[in-house]
């Protein structure tokens, strides 16, 4: 509170006509408080807010309920905000704002349509390189002991190509997702533009950590982007969110460019549950990308969603079983499902056994009842099978805790090495299986057994394995695969097999 008022008191608010706040999930109350205090300093100041927290009906009602807000920018901000600034610049004394697409005002709120169309750019190619001068000027004013080196946020694309809009106007994509409410469709920058931007920003601000803020990377140009980044000859430290279907060749390009940490859209280790989540992936695909990240030394900081409405005991049992095969890899983080405004689950609650949706009760600690009844907030609550979900998912929390303990003790020991790894001897293979608080096991595979194991470094169907090794009897192939699965050296799902060990020599991993 003291820091807030020190900041506000140190600025001459009478010198400004417009102040803006970009508001996402955790910034709502602080932005409203700032706007209120600033308006007290200069009642003539026009306060504008935007961002994902002010989408749809939230924007339409918030403009009427919060007196400290004069303008709400809905959807993408560049074009509406530029029109607003241009009007204020040309009409120096006027406070009567004209109708601008994508802008809610107190006078015009009643006439705005419920689903006001987005006013957004057709392409991202005209966007200038971000200007972070103010941030770094402030950072450079810190005492050396309090200084740090931040990650530079970089935007490659907007929207999600996995989230098309159906003919009914409802969003598809991941069932739980309510991102991308502020724009329509998917747009991405050209690879040359992305590389030039990252090169310029890291040079200008003398920083090498870059956080790619996209919800999903471009499907067709990602590999080219990272190959070009690798040619910059800079020791970048990159972070990005990625889908589980990213191929190994693209992951290799990412790692070569400096990718050190990713958040993968894993969410579940049950294929049945992944189908309910509309992920478009399977458990074996999730295990494969977890393995690939482990082999390449890319930290995987992904989530495992618990309590998803409509999930069942069989899916929980499948998750427990599959975690046993994921133990050699960095653990997932268990997170409770929360209902997001405008998500596919919110739009069609009955399909997930939900009987009613409403603002989460915790909003009552922040706002009076009249506001709670009038504004749909980003975090929703529901009546349904939550009690049942908490009961059946309880073992998963304990299982994830065990997973974390095992990984921490085995991987972070005084001489860390992969938990499950192999060394290739050209015509034989040595697999080392480190175990929790007991001696490791070593397995040796020879001849065709070695070849099959290496062939299944990418998940393969039984049919494909048989066709690859036609001279090896089918019954022996099946017996070998079963033995490998029983020893948790391979994973099987719907007659598809994945070898789980990673090479000690990462140059062999392609």
Protein backbone atom coordinates (compact mmCIF):
# COMPACT_ATOMS: atom_id res chain seq x y z
CA UNK A 1 0.00 0.00 0.00
CA UNK A 2 2.79 2.42 0.89
CA UNK A 3 4.66 1.68 -2.35
CA UNK A 4 1.45 2.21 -4.33
CA UNK A 5 0.83 5.66 -2.87
CA UNK A 6 4.50 6.62 -3.20
CA UNK A 7 4.33 5.82 -6.90
CA UNK A 8 1.06 7.69 -7.43
CA UNK A 9 2.14 10.73 -5.41
CA UNK A 10 5.38 11.08 -7.39
CA UNK A 11 3.61 11.69 -10.71
CA UNK A 12 1.83 14.84 -11.92
CA UNK A 13 -1.44 13.29 -13.05
CA UNK A 14 -2.71 16.68 -14.19
CA UNK A 15 -0.29 16.49 -17.10
CA UNK A 16 -2.06 13.45 -18.57
CA UNK A 17 -5.38 12.98 -20.35
CA UNK A 18 -5.44 9.18 -20.61
CA UNK A 19 -4.12 6.36 -18.44
CA UNK A 20 -4.53 2.69 -19.31
CA UNK A 21 -4.43 -0.68 -17.54
CA UNK A 22 -4.02 -4.07 -19.15
CA UNK A 23 -5.77 -6.52 -16.84
CA UNK A 24 -5.41 -10.28 -16.74
CA UNK A 25 -6.43 -12.77 -14.08
CA UNK A 26 -4.49 -11.58 -11.02
CA UNK A 27 -4.43 -7.86 -11.81
CA UNK A 28 -8.12 -6.97 -11.52
CA UNK A 29 -8.36 -5.63 -7.98
CA UNK A 30 -5.02 -3.83 -8.07
CA UNK A 31 -5.92 -2.13 -11.38
CA UNK A 32 -9.27 -1.01 -10.01
CA UNK A 33 -7.59 0.36 -6.89
CA UNK A 34 -4.96 2.24 -8.89
CA UNK A 35 -7.64 3.71 -11.16
CA UNK A 36 -9.71 4.85 -8.19
CA UNK A 37 -6.83 6.65 -6.46
CA UNK A 38 -5.61 8.22 -9.71
CA UNK A 39 -9.11 9.51 -10.50
CA UNK A 40 -9.17 11.15 -7.09
CA UNK A 41 -5.96 12.96 -8.03
CA UNK A 42 -7.33 14.11 -11.40
CA UNK A 43 -11.09 13.58 -11.95
CA UNK A 44 -10.79 14.79 -15.56
CA UNK A 45 -8.34 12.03 -16.44
CA UNK A 46 -9.77 9.36 -18.75
CA UNK A 47 -9.07 5.87 -17.43
CA UNK A 48 -9.10 2.97 -19.87
CA UNK A 49 -8.85 -0.75 -19.13
CA UNK A 50 -8.49 -3.78 -21.38
CA UNK A 51 -7.14 -7.29 -21.47
CA UNK A 52 -8.59 -10.75 -21.05
CA UNK A 53 -10.40 -9.90 -17.80
CA UNK A 54 -12.63 -7.46 -19.68
CA UNK A 55 -14.15 -9.60 -22.40
CA UNK A 56 -17.74 -10.03 -23.54
CA UNK A 57 -20.43 -9.38 -20.95
CA UNK A 58 -17.83 -8.55 -18.31
CA UNK A 59 -16.90 -5.41 -20.24
CA UNK A 60 -20.48 -4.39 -20.93
CA UNK A 61 -21.44 -4.51 -17.25
CA UNK A 62 -18.16 -3.37 -15.68
CA UNK A 63 -18.33 0.01 -17.44
CA UNK A 64 -21.56 0.71 -15.56
CA UNK A 65 -20.54 -0.64 -12.16
CA UNK A 66 -17.06 0.80 -11.65
CA UNK A 67 -17.09 4.62 -11.66
CA UNK A 68 -13.29 4.82 -11.87
CA UNK A 69 -13.42 3.27 -15.37
CA UNK A 70 -14.26 5.58 -18.28
CA UNK A 71 -13.36 3.33 -21.21
CA UNK A 72 -13.02 -0.41 -21.77
CA UNK A 73 -11.09 -1.68 -24.77
CA UNK A 74 -12.55 -5.02 -25.81
CA UNK A 75 -10.66 -7.52 -27.92
CA UNK A 76 -7.24 -6.75 -29.32
CA UNK A 77 -6.07 -3.33 -28.20
CA UNK A 78 -3.86 -1.81 -30.89
CA UNK A 79 -6.46 -0.52 -33.35
CA UNK A 80 -9.19 0.59 -30.90
CA UNK A 81 -6.67 2.27 -28.60
CA UNK A 82 -4.92 4.03 -31.47
CA UNK A 83 -8.27 5.43 -32.66
CA UNK A 84 -9.04 6.62 -29.13
CA UNK A 85 -5.64 8.29 -28.73
CA UNK A 86 -5.93 9.88 -32.17
CA UNK A 87 -9.32 11.38 -31.25
CA UNK A 88 -8.03 12.77 -27.94
CA UNK A 89 -4.99 14.22 -29.67
CA UNK A 90 -7.13 16.00 -32.28
CA UNK A 91 -9.78 17.13 -29.78
CA UNK A 92 -7.71 18.47 -26.95
CA UNK A 93 -10.54 19.74 -24.74
CA UNK A 94 -13.32 17.28 -25.46
CA UNK A 95 -14.30 14.40 -23.17
CA UNK A 96 -17.24 13.27 -25.31
CA UNK A 97 -15.87 10.21 -27.02
CA UNK A 98 -17.20 9.09 -30.41
CA UNK A 99 -18.32 5.56 -31.24
CA UNK A 100 -15.20 3.49 -31.83
CA UNK A 101 -15.33 -0.18 -32.72
CA UNK A 102 -13.95 -2.25 -29.86
CA UNK A 103 -14.44 0.51 -27.26
CA UNK A 104 -17.08 0.60 -24.52
CA UNK A 105 -17.87 3.97 -22.96
CA UNK A 106 -20.35 4.90 -20.25
CA UNK A 107 -22.55 6.74 -22.76
CA UNK A 108 -22.39 4.06 -25.41
CA UNK A 109 -22.54 0.95 -23.26
CA UNK A 110 -26.29 0.56 -23.55
CA UNK A 111 -26.20 0.48 -27.35
CA UNK A 112 -23.29 -1.95 -27.73
CA UNK A 113 -24.13 -5.41 -29.02
CA UNK A 114 -23.66 -8.37 -26.67
CA UNK A 115 -21.05 -9.95 -28.93
CA UNK A 116 -19.37 -6.79 -30.16
CA UNK A 117 -17.18 -7.69 -33.15
CA UNK A 118 -13.41 -7.63 -32.74
CA UNK A 119 -11.49 -4.76 -34.27
CA UNK A 120 -8.11 -6.36 -34.87
CA UNK A 121 -5.23 -6.35 -37.29
CA UNK A 122 -5.30 -8.72 -40.24
CA UNK A 123 -1.60 -9.48 -39.78
CA UNK A 124 1.03 -9.13 -37.06
CA UNK A 125 3.71 -8.10 -39.54
CA UNK A 126 3.17 -4.36 -38.98
CA UNK A 127 3.72 -4.61 -35.23
CA UNK A 128 6.82 -2.71 -34.08
CA UNK A 129 9.42 -4.29 -31.84
CA UNK A 130 8.30 -3.84 -28.20
CA UNK A 131 9.79 -0.91 -26.28
CA UNK A 132 10.81 -1.91 -22.75
CA UNK A 133 12.87 1.22 -22.04
CA UNK A 134 10.79 2.39 -19.06
CA UNK A 135 11.02 -1.03 -17.42
CA UNK A 136 14.79 -1.27 -17.82
CA UNK A 137 15.32 2.34 -16.76
CA UNK A 138 13.51 1.51 -13.53
CA UNK A 139 15.43 -1.75 -13.16
CA UNK A 140 18.74 0.05 -13.63
CA UNK A 141 17.86 2.41 -10.78
CA UNK A 142 17.85 -0.47 -8.28
CA UNK A 143 20.68 -1.03 -5.83
CA UNK A 144 23.08 -3.63 -7.28
CA UNK A 145 22.13 -6.12 -4.56
CA UNK A 146 18.48 -5.94 -5.67
CA UNK A 147 19.13 -5.98 -9.39
CA UNK A 148 18.36 -9.05 -11.54
CA UNK A 149 18.30 -10.13 -15.17
CA UNK A 150 14.71 -10.53 -16.38
CA UNK A 151 13.32 -12.64 -19.20
CA UNK A 152 12.23 -10.64 -22.22
CA UNK A 153 8.65 -11.43 -23.29
CA UNK A 154 8.35 -12.04 -27.04
CA UNK A 155 5.21 -12.67 -29.05
CA UNK A 156 5.36 -14.93 -32.11
CA UNK A 157 1.64 -15.46 -32.64
CA UNK A 158 -1.83 -14.70 -31.30
CA UNK A 159 -4.70 -17.08 -30.84
CA UNK A 160 -4.68 -20.86 -31.08
CA UNK A 161 -4.84 -22.89 -34.28
CA UNK A 162 -6.13 -25.81 -32.17
CA UNK A 163 -9.13 -23.68 -31.13
CA UNK A 164 -11.36 -23.19 -34.17
CA UNK A 165 -14.81 -21.63 -33.86
CA UNK A 166 -17.75 -23.90 -34.67
CA UNK A 167 -20.66 -22.93 -36.91
CA UNK A 168 -22.70 -22.16 -33.79
CA UNK A 169 -20.11 -19.54 -32.81
CA UNK A 170 -18.83 -21.53 -29.83
CA UNK A 171 -15.14 -22.13 -29.32
CA UNK A 172 -13.73 -25.62 -29.73
CA UNK A 173 -10.22 -26.66 -28.73
CA UNK A 174 -9.23 -27.80 -25.25
CA UNK A 175 -12.36 -28.19 -23.12
CA UNK A 176 -11.00 -26.30 -20.11
CA UNK A 177 -9.38 -23.40 -21.98
CA UNK A 178 -10.68 -19.82 -21.82
CA UNK A 179 -7.61 -18.15 -23.27
CA UNK A 180 -7.81 -16.05 -26.40
CA UNK A 181 -11.09 -14.35 -25.49
CA UNK A 182 -9.70 -11.04 -26.70
CA UNK A 183 -9.22 -11.92 -30.37
CA UNK A 184 -10.48 -14.11 -33.17
CA UNK A 185 -8.58 -16.64 -35.27
CA UNK A 186 -4.88 -17.42 -35.36
CA UNK A 187 -2.12 -15.17 -36.73
CA UNK A 188 1.64 -15.56 -36.61
CA UNK A 189 4.69 -13.52 -37.56
CA UNK A 190 7.10 -14.56 -40.28
CA UNK A 191 10.20 -16.43 -39.05
CA UNK A 192 12.52 -13.63 -40.20
CA UNK A 193 10.50 -11.08 -38.22
CA UNK A 194 10.60 -13.22 -35.08
CA UNK A 195 14.36 -13.80 -35.28
CA UNK A 196 15.07 -10.14 -35.99
CA UNK A 197 12.93 -9.08 -33.02
CA UNK A 198 14.63 -11.47 -30.58
CA UNK A 199 18.06 -10.47 -31.88
CA UNK A 200 17.27 -6.76 -31.52
CA UNK A 201 15.72 -7.04 -28.04
CA UNK A 202 18.50 -9.17 -26.57
CA UNK A 203 21.13 -6.84 -28.04
CA UNK A 204 19.44 -3.63 -26.93
CA UNK A 205 18.71 -4.71 -23.35
CA UNK A 206 21.77 -6.93 -22.84
CA UNK A 207 19.58 -9.86 -21.77
CA UNK A 208 19.63 -13.46 -23.01
CA UNK A 209 16.55 -14.98 -21.35
CA UNK A 210 13.46 -14.89 -23.58
CA UNK A 211 9.94 -16.04 -22.69
CA UNK A 212 7.79 -16.79 -25.73
CA UNK A 213 4.32 -15.80 -24.56
CA UNK A 214 2.23 -17.59 -27.21
CA UNK A 215 -0.49 -20.04 -26.23
CA UNK A 216 0.73 -22.31 -29.00
CA UNK A 217 3.61 -22.06 -31.46
CA UNK A 218 2.98 -21.83 -35.21
CA UNK A 219 2.36 -25.26 -36.65
CA UNK A 220 4.27 -24.85 -39.90
CA UNK A 221 7.08 -22.37 -39.21
CA UNK A 222 8.30 -23.21 -35.68
CA UNK A 223 11.17 -25.42 -36.78
CA UNK A 224 12.41 -22.74 -39.19
CA UNK A 225 12.20 -20.09 -36.45
CA UNK A 226 14.38 -22.08 -34.06
CA UNK A 227 16.84 -23.10 -36.74
CA UNK A 228 17.32 -19.41 -37.59
CA UNK A 229 17.60 -18.50 -33.87
CA UNK A 230 20.36 -21.08 -33.54
CA UNK A 231 22.35 -19.25 -36.20
CA UNK A 232 22.40 -16.03 -34.16
CA UNK A 233 25.35 -17.41 -32.18
CA UNK A 234 23.81 -16.19 -28.93
CA UNK A 235 23.57 -18.33 -25.80
CA UNK A 236 19.85 -17.78 -25.40
CA UNK A 237 17.75 -19.20 -22.59
CA UNK A 238 14.28 -19.78 -24.03
CA UNK A 239 10.91 -20.73 -22.58
CA UNK A 240 7.77 -21.64 -24.50
CA UNK A 241 4.46 -23.45 -24.24
CA UNK A 242 4.21 -26.31 -26.74
CA UNK A 243 1.82 -29.07 -27.76
CA UNK A 244 2.55 -32.70 -27.05
CA UNK A 245 2.76 -33.55 -30.74
CA UNK A 246 5.89 -31.47 -31.36
CA UNK A 247 8.19 -33.87 -33.27
CA UNK A 248 11.66 -34.74 -32.06
CA UNK A 249 13.36 -32.92 -34.96
CA UNK A 250 11.65 -29.69 -33.92
CA UNK A 251 12.56 -30.23 -30.26
CA UNK A 252 16.18 -30.69 -31.33
CA UNK A 253 16.03 -27.37 -33.19
CA UNK A 254 14.54 -25.74 -30.10
CA UNK A 255 17.26 -27.12 -27.85
CA UNK A 256 20.00 -26.03 -30.24
CA UNK A 257 18.53 -22.51 -30.22
CA UNK A 258 18.56 -22.39 -26.40
CA UNK A 259 15.21 -23.84 -25.29
CA UNK A 260 15.73 -24.78 -21.64
CA UNK A 261 12.20 -24.95 -20.28
CA UNK A 262 8.80 -25.81 -21.78
CA UNK A 263 5.25 -26.17 -20.59
CA UNK A 264 3.64 -28.93 -22.63
CA UNK A 265 -0.11 -29.25 -23.01
CA UNK A 266 -0.10 -32.67 -21.36
CA UNK A 267 -2.92 -32.22 -18.80
CA UNK A 268 -3.66 -35.98 -18.47
CA UNK A 269 -2.07 -39.42 -18.71
CA UNK A 270 -5.29 -41.20 -19.60
CA UNK A 271 -6.25 -41.35 -23.27
CA UNK A 272 -9.94 -41.57 -22.40
CA UNK A 273 -9.67 -38.42 -20.29
CA UNK A 274 -7.58 -36.67 -22.96
CA UNK A 275 -10.47 -37.26 -25.34
CA UNK A 276 -12.87 -35.58 -22.89
CA UNK A 277 -10.42 -32.70 -22.58
CA UNK A 278 -10.42 -32.36 -26.41
CA UNK A 279 -6.62 -32.47 -26.41
CA UNK A 280 -6.28 -34.44 -29.62
CA UNK A 281 -3.48 -36.49 -28.07
CA UNK A 282 -2.97 -39.84 -26.35
CA UNK A 283 -1.16 -41.01 -23.24
CA UNK A 284 1.64 -42.63 -25.26
CA UNK A 285 2.23 -39.37 -27.14
CA UNK A 286 2.46 -37.52 -23.83
CA UNK A 287 4.97 -40.03 -22.47
CA UNK A 288 7.03 -39.76 -25.66
CA UNK A 289 7.43 -35.99 -25.48
CA UNK A 290 8.21 -36.21 -21.74
CA UNK A 291 10.92 -38.71 -22.63
CA UNK A 292 12.22 -36.53 -25.47
CA UNK A 293 12.52 -33.51 -23.17
CA UNK A 294 14.33 -35.63 -20.59
CA UNK A 295 16.77 -36.86 -23.23
CA UNK A 296 17.46 -33.37 -24.54
CA UNK A 297 17.82 -31.76 -21.11
CA UNK A 298 14.77 -29.52 -21.57
CA UNK A 299 12.96 -28.93 -18.27
CA UNK A 300 9.33 -29.97 -18.63
CA UNK A 301 7.15 -27.94 -16.22
CA UNK A 302 3.76 -29.28 -17.31
CA UNK A 303 0.50 -29.88 -15.46
CA UNK A 304 -1.71 -32.84 -14.61
CA UNK A 305 -5.33 -31.71 -14.22
CA UNK A 306 -7.27 -33.25 -11.34
CA UNK A 307 -11.06 -33.31 -10.73
CA UNK A 308 -12.08 -32.65 -14.34
CA UNK A 309 -15.91 -32.89 -14.35
CA UNK A 310 -17.16 -36.10 -15.89
CA UNK A 311 -13.95 -38.06 -15.36
CA UNK A 312 -14.38 -41.53 -13.90
CA UNK A 313 -12.67 -44.16 -11.76
CA UNK A 314 -11.35 -46.04 -14.79
CA UNK A 315 -9.52 -42.91 -15.97
CA UNK A 316 -8.02 -42.38 -12.53
CA UNK A 317 -6.88 -46.02 -12.44
CA UNK A 318 -5.35 -45.62 -15.90
CA UNK A 319 -3.53 -42.50 -14.72
CA UNK A 320 -2.07 -44.31 -11.69
CA UNK A 321 -0.91 -47.14 -13.94
CA UNK A 322 0.69 -44.83 -16.50
CA UNK A 323 2.50 -42.75 -13.88
CA UNK A 324 4.48 -45.92 -13.05
CA UNK A 325 5.95 -45.75 -16.57
CA UNK A 326 6.55 -41.98 -16.34
CA UNK A 327 8.66 -42.20 -13.16
CA UNK A 328 12.01 -41.82 -15.03
CA UNK A 329 10.94 -38.37 -16.25
CA UNK A 330 10.48 -34.98 -14.59
CA UNK A 331 7.22 -35.10 -12.59
CA UNK A 332 4.12 -33.27 -13.66
CA UNK A 333 2.52 -30.72 -11.35
CA UNK A 334 -0.91 -31.74 -10.02
CA UNK A 335 -3.38 -28.85 -10.41
CA UNK A 336 -7.07 -28.76 -9.56
CA UNK A 337 -9.48 -28.07 -12.41
CA UNK A 338 -11.10 -24.66 -12.33
CA UNK A 339 -13.97 -23.55 -14.53
CA UNK A 340 -13.02 -20.69 -16.86
CA UNK A 341 -15.53 -18.21 -18.22
CA UNK A 342 -16.41 -18.88 -21.89
CA UNK A 343 -14.46 -22.17 -21.96
CA UNK A 344 -16.10 -25.06 -23.87
CA UNK A 345 -17.03 -26.68 -20.53
CA UNK A 346 -18.66 -23.42 -19.40
CA UNK A 347 -20.50 -23.11 -22.70
CA UNK A 348 -21.86 -26.65 -22.56
CA UNK A 349 -21.94 -27.63 -18.87
CA UNK A 350 -24.54 -30.38 -19.22
CA UNK A 351 -22.19 -32.46 -21.35
CA UNK A 352 -19.84 -32.67 -18.34
CA UNK A 353 -22.44 -33.39 -15.66
CA UNK A 354 -22.54 -29.77 -14.46
CA UNK A 355 -25.94 -28.60 -13.22
CA UNK A 356 -25.27 -24.89 -12.67
CA UNK A 357 -22.44 -22.37 -13.20
CA UNK A 358 -21.89 -19.12 -11.33
CA UNK A 359 -19.17 -16.77 -10.09
CA UNK A 360 -16.78 -18.44 -7.69
CA UNK A 361 -17.79 -17.68 -4.05
CA UNK A 362 -14.30 -16.31 -3.32
CA UNK A 363 -15.16 -13.24 -5.40
CA UNK A 364 -17.42 -12.33 -2.49
CA UNK A 365 -14.35 -11.51 -0.42
CA UNK A 366 -13.39 -8.83 -2.96
CA UNK A 367 -16.64 -7.32 -4.23
CA UNK A 368 -20.12 -6.52 -2.87
CA UNK A 369 -23.05 -8.76 -3.75
CA UNK A 370 -24.48 -6.33 -6.32
CA UNK A 371 -21.31 -6.55 -8.41
CA UNK A 372 -21.05 -10.32 -8.01
CA UNK A 373 -24.56 -10.67 -9.44
CA UNK A 374 -23.92 -8.34 -12.36
CA UNK A 375 -20.50 -9.32 -13.71
CA UNK A 376 -19.33 -12.76 -14.86
CA UNK A 377 -15.74 -13.10 -13.63
CA UNK A 378 -13.00 -15.17 -15.24
CA UNK A 379 -12.99 -17.84 -12.52
CA UNK A 380 -16.34 -19.59 -12.25
CA UNK A 381 -17.75 -22.20 -9.90
CA UNK A 382 -20.28 -24.95 -10.52
CA UNK A 383 -22.59 -27.53 -9.00
CA UNK A 384 -22.07 -31.06 -10.19
CA UNK A 385 -19.88 -34.01 -9.29
CA UNK A 386 -17.07 -32.10 -7.56
CA UNK A 387 -17.35 -34.13 -4.34
CA UNK A 388 -17.10 -37.37 -6.29
CA UNK A 389 -14.15 -36.05 -8.30
CA UNK A 390 -12.21 -35.05 -5.20
CA UNK A 391 -12.77 -38.52 -3.77
CA UNK A 392 -11.65 -40.56 -6.78
CA UNK A 393 -8.67 -38.30 -7.58
CA UNK A 394 -7.25 -38.41 -4.04
CA UNK A 395 -4.82 -41.29 -4.84
CA UNK A 396 -3.33 -39.27 -7.72
CA UNK A 397 -2.15 -36.51 -5.40
CA UNK A 398 -0.30 -39.09 -3.32
CA UNK A 399 1.07 -40.78 -6.45
CA UNK A 400 2.41 -37.49 -7.82
CA UNK A 401 4.02 -36.77 -4.44
CA UNK A 402 5.77 -40.17 -4.59
CA UNK A 403 6.84 -39.41 -8.16
CA UNK A 404 8.36 -36.10 -7.05
CA UNK A 405 10.22 -37.78 -4.16
CA UNK A 406 11.61 -40.52 -6.39
CA UNK A 407 12.76 -38.12 -9.10
CA UNK A 408 14.28 -35.70 -6.61
CA UNK A 409 16.30 -38.41 -4.87
CA UNK A 410 17.44 -40.24 -8.00
CA UNK A 411 18.06 -37.37 -10.39
CA UNK A 412 19.32 -34.75 -7.95
CA UNK A 413 21.80 -37.00 -6.19
CA UNK A 414 25.50 -36.18 -5.88
CA UNK A 415 26.15 -37.81 -9.28
CA UNK A 416 22.98 -37.15 -11.30
CA UNK A 417 22.35 -39.24 -14.40
CA UNK A 418 19.21 -40.31 -16.24
CA UNK A 419 16.98 -42.61 -14.24
CA UNK A 420 16.44 -44.92 -17.21
CA UNK A 421 19.15 -44.85 -19.87
CA UNK A 422 20.95 -46.98 -22.42
CA UNK A 423 24.37 -47.28 -24.05
CA UNK A 424 24.61 -48.76 -27.52
CA UNK A 425 27.30 -51.31 -28.34
CA UNK A 426 26.44 -51.50 -32.04
CA UNK A 427 25.20 -55.11 -31.87
CA UNK A 428 24.07 -55.07 -28.25
CA UNK A 429 22.45 -52.56 -25.91
CA UNK A 430 23.00 -51.93 -22.18
CA UNK A 431 20.01 -50.46 -20.32
CA UNK A 432 20.55 -49.07 -16.82
CA UNK A 433 17.46 -48.78 -14.65
CA UNK A 434 18.06 -46.79 -11.46
CA UNK A 435 15.66 -47.64 -8.66
CA UNK A 436 14.38 -45.85 -5.57
CA UNK A 437 16.42 -46.72 -2.47
CA UNK A 438 17.72 -49.98 -3.91
CA UNK A 439 20.43 -51.10 -6.29
CA UNK A 440 20.05 -50.31 -10.01
CA UNK A 441 19.32 -53.01 -12.55
CA UNK A 442 21.16 -53.53 -15.84
CA UNK A 443 19.60 -55.21 -18.87
CA UNK A 444 21.41 -56.33 -22.00
CA UNK A 445 19.66 -56.68 -25.35
CA UNK A 446 21.28 -58.41 -28.31
CA UNK A 447 20.63 -58.72 -32.01
CA UNK A 448 17.02 -58.24 -33.08
CA UNK A 449 15.94 -57.42 -29.52
CA UNK A 450 18.30 -54.45 -29.57
CA UNK A 451 17.01 -53.39 -32.99
CA UNK A 452 13.37 -53.57 -31.92
CA UNK A 453 14.09 -51.51 -28.81
CA UNK A 454 15.85 -48.82 -30.82
CA UNK A 455 13.12 -48.87 -33.48
CA UNK A 456 10.56 -48.07 -30.76
CA UNK A 457 12.38 -44.95 -29.58
CA UNK A 458 9.41 -43.36 -31.36
CA UNK A 459 6.13 -45.11 -30.55
CA UNK A 460 5.33 -47.81 -33.12
CA UNK A 461 2.34 -50.03 -33.76
CA UNK A 462 2.70 -53.78 -33.47
CA UNK A 463 1.87 -54.02 -37.17
CA UNK A 464 4.72 -51.65 -38.01
CA UNK A 465 7.15 -53.58 -35.80
CA UNK A 466 6.22 -56.88 -37.47
CA UNK A 467 6.71 -55.40 -40.94
CA UNK A 468 10.08 -53.92 -39.93
CA UNK A 469 11.35 -57.32 -38.70
CA UNK A 470 9.67 -59.89 -40.99
CA UNK A 471 12.27 -62.60 -40.35
CA UNK A 472 11.64 -62.53 -36.59
CA UNK A 473 8.68 -64.77 -35.58
CA UNK A 474 5.62 -62.82 -34.48
CA UNK A 475 5.17 -64.80 -31.28
CA UNK A 476 8.75 -63.95 -30.26
CA UNK A 477 8.18 -60.27 -31.02
CA UNK A 478 5.06 -60.23 -28.86
CA UNK A 479 6.83 -62.12 -26.06
CA UNK A 480 9.79 -59.72 -26.13
CA UNK A 481 7.55 -56.64 -26.07
CA UNK A 482 5.55 -58.05 -23.16
CA UNK A 483 8.75 -58.71 -21.22
CA UNK A 484 9.93 -55.15 -21.82
CA UNK A 485 6.58 -53.73 -20.65
CA UNK A 486 6.56 -55.96 -17.56
CA UNK A 487 10.00 -54.58 -16.65
CA UNK A 488 8.76 -51.01 -17.33
CA UNK A 489 11.39 -50.57 -20.01
CA UNK A 490 8.65 -50.03 -22.59
CA UNK A 491 5.10 -48.68 -22.53
CA UNK A 492 2.16 -50.12 -24.46
CA UNK A 493 -1.16 -48.58 -25.40
CA UNK A 494 -3.60 -49.98 -27.97
CA UNK A 495 -0.88 -52.20 -29.46
CA UNK A 496 1.50 -49.28 -29.80
CA UNK A 497 4.88 -49.52 -28.10
CA UNK A 498 7.35 -46.92 -26.84
CA UNK A 499 10.85 -47.62 -25.51
CA UNK A 500 11.35 -45.57 -22.36
CA UNK A 501 15.13 -45.48 -21.88
CA UNK A 502 17.05 -42.47 -23.17
CA UNK A 503 20.58 -42.56 -24.60
CA UNK A 504 23.44 -41.51 -22.37
CA UNK A 505 24.97 -40.01 -25.51
CA UNK A 506 22.48 -37.27 -26.53
CA UNK A 507 24.06 -37.00 -29.99
CA UNK A 508 22.48 -40.37 -30.76
CA UNK A 509 19.01 -38.98 -30.06
CA UNK A 510 17.48 -37.96 -33.39
